[in-house]
Amino acid sequence: MEKYRTKDIYEASALIASNAVLVTLEADSGFYWFVFENCDICRTISDGYWSNQLSVFAKDYADAIRSLKDRVFASR
């Protein structure tokens, strides 16, 4: 199954807050790609995020941002 990749930490946080499964982080020339399972579902969630139509719980979103930042800085 095709993976979904984004380098935007806030989009990635919205995906996590929407229960998308983060597979890994991929380092690439000074930044990281957030890689998720199930490209089709992630693309739908992402479209909702970018069109400001996505609803998630605020605490889940904030927790996802903190968690991703922790993972990025732990990987350096």
C-alpha atoms as a PDB file:
ATOM      1  CA  MET A   1       0.000   0.000   0.000  1.00  0.00           C
ATOM      2  CA  GLU A   2       1.259   3.470  -0.884  1.00  0.00           C
ATOM      3  CA  LYS A   3       2.490   5.621   2.013  1.00  0.00           C
ATOM      4  CA  TYR A   4       1.554   9.271   2.569  1.00  0.00           C
ATOM      5  CA  ARG A   5       4.394  11.717   3.226  1.00  0.00           C
ATOM      6  CA  THR A   6       4.379  15.290   4.489  1.00  0.00           C
ATOM      7  CA  LYS A   7       7.061  17.554   5.886  1.00  0.00           C
ATOM      8  CA  ASP A   8       4.532  19.892   7.524  1.00  0.00           C
ATOM      9  CA  ILE A   9       4.477  19.130  11.256  1.00  0.00           C
ATOM     10  CA  TYR A  10       1.050  20.719  11.715  1.00  0.00           C
ATOM     11  CA  GLU A  11      -0.510  18.680   8.912  1.00  0.00           C
ATOM     12  CA  ALA A  12       1.146  15.567  10.362  1.00  0.00           C
ATOM     13  CA  SER A  13      -0.289  16.457  13.776  1.00  0.00           C
ATOM     14  CA  ALA A  14      -3.764  16.782  12.280  1.00  0.00           C
ATOM     15  CA  LEU A  15      -3.339  13.359  10.690  1.00  0.00           C
ATOM     16  CA  ILE A  16      -2.321  11.834  14.023  1.00  0.00           C
ATOM     17  CA  ALA A  17      -5.190  13.570  15.836  1.00  0.00           C
ATOM     18  CA  SER A  18      -7.467  11.968  13.210  1.00  0.00           C
ATOM     19  CA  ASN A  19      -6.058   8.508  14.041  1.00  0.00           C
ATOM     20  CA  ALA A  20      -3.809   8.119  10.992  1.00  0.00           C
ATOM     21  CA  VAL A  21      -0.898   5.782  11.698  1.00  0.00           C
ATOM     22  CA  LEU A  22       2.583   7.309  11.607  1.00  0.00           C
ATOM     23  CA  VAL A  23       4.987   4.712  10.230  1.00  0.00           C
ATOM     24  CA  THR A  24       8.320   6.503  10.466  1.00  0.00           C
ATOM     25  CA  LEU A  25      10.287   9.718  10.152  1.00  0.00           C
ATOM     26  CA  GLU A  26      12.649  10.009   7.182  1.00  0.00           C
ATOM     27  CA  ALA A  27      15.567  12.433   7.393  1.00  0.00           C
ATOM     28  CA  ASP A  28      16.204  14.402   4.194  1.00  0.00           C
ATOM     29  CA  SER A  29      18.769  17.222   3.941  1.00  0.00           C
ATOM     30  CA  GLY A  30      18.055  18.969   7.228  1.00  0.00           C
ATOM     31  CA  PHE A  31      14.341  18.270   7.533  1.00  0.00           C
ATOM     32  CA  TYR A  32      12.109  15.267   8.149  1.00  0.00           C
ATOM     33  CA  TRP A  33       9.325  13.598   6.236  1.00  0.00           C
ATOM     34  CA  PHE A  34       6.485  12.232   8.351  1.00  0.00           C
ATOM     35  CA  VAL A  35       5.419   8.960   6.720  1.00  0.00           C
ATOM     36  CA  PHE A  36       1.932   7.532   7.269  1.00  0.00           C
ATOM     37  CA  GLU A  37       0.066   4.351   6.346  1.00  0.00           C
ATOM     38  CA  ASN A  38      -2.872   4.359   3.940  1.00  0.00           C
ATOM     39  CA  CYS A  39      -2.331   7.163   1.474  1.00  0.00           C
ATOM     40  CA  ASP A  40      -6.012   7.433   0.462  1.00  0.00           C
ATOM     41  CA  ILE A  41      -7.304   8.054   3.990  1.00  0.00           C
ATOM     42  CA  CYS A  42      -4.457  10.458   4.733  1.00  0.00           C
ATOM     43  CA  ARG A  43      -5.112  12.396   1.534  1.00  0.00           C
ATOM     44  CA  THR A  44      -8.772  12.814   2.559  1.00  0.00           C
ATOM     45  CA  ILE A  45      -7.783  13.991   6.047  1.00  0.00           C
ATOM     46  CA  SER A  46      -5.158  16.320   4.571  1.00  0.00           C
ATOM     47  CA  ASP A  47      -7.691  17.847   2.181  1.00  0.00           C
ATOM     48  CA  GLY A  48      -9.918  18.574   5.178  1.00  0.00           C
ATOM     49  CA  TYR A  49      -7.009  20.122   7.044  1.00  0.00           C
ATOM     50  CA  TRP A  50      -5.944  22.408   4.198  1.00  0.00           C
ATOM     51  CA  SER A  51      -9.515  23.468   3.412  1.00  0.00           C
ATOM     52  CA  ASN A  52     -10.188  24.200   7.105  1.00  0.00           C
ATOM     53  CA  GLN A  53     -12.963  21.588   7.162  1.00  0.00           C
ATOM     54  CA  LEU A  54     -11.275  19.091   9.514  1.00  0.00           C
ATOM     55  CA  SER A  55     -12.459  18.806  13.112  1.00  0.00           C
ATOM     56  CA  VAL A  56     -10.250  17.213  15.759  1.00  0.00           C
ATOM     57  CA  PHE A  57     -10.067  17.446  19.523  1.00  0.00           C
ATOM     58  CA  ALA A  58      -7.793  20.368  20.460  1.00  0.00           C
ATOM     59  CA  LYS A  59      -5.884  18.421  23.124  1.00  0.00           C
ATOM     60  CA  ASP A  60      -5.247  15.527  20.709  1.00  0.00           C
ATOM     61  CA  TYR A  61      -3.867  18.000  18.161  1.00  0.00           C
ATOM     62  CA  ALA A  62      -1.657  19.760  20.733  1.00  0.00           C
ATOM     63  CA  ASP A  63      -0.402  16.397  22.066  1.00  0.00           C
ATOM     64  CA  ALA A  64       0.431  15.285  18.518  1.00  0.00           C
ATOM     65  CA  ILE A  65       2.463  18.461  17.888  1.00  0.00           C
ATOM     66  CA  ARG A  66       4.442  17.944  21.114  1.00  0.00           C
ATOM     67  CA  SER A  67       5.003  14.269  20.351  1.00  0.00           C
ATOM     68  CA  LEU A  68       6.252  14.948  16.822  1.00  0.00           C
ATOM     69  CA  LYS A  69       8.580  17.707  18.024  1.00  0.00           C
ATOM     70  CA  ASP A  70       9.978  15.315  20.636  1.00  0.00           C
ATOM     71  CA  ARG A  71      10.592  12.669  17.972  1.00  0.00           C
ATOM     72  CA  VAL A  72      12.255  15.109  15.578  1.00  0.00           C
ATOM     73  CA  PHE A  73      14.601  16.517  18.219  1.00  0.00           C
ATOM     74  CA  ALA A  74      15.386  13.049  19.602  1.00  0.00           C
ATOM     75  CA  SER A  75      16.399  11.969  16.074  1.00  0.00           C
ATOM     76  CA  ARG A  76      19.040  14.668  15.700  1.00  0.00           C
END
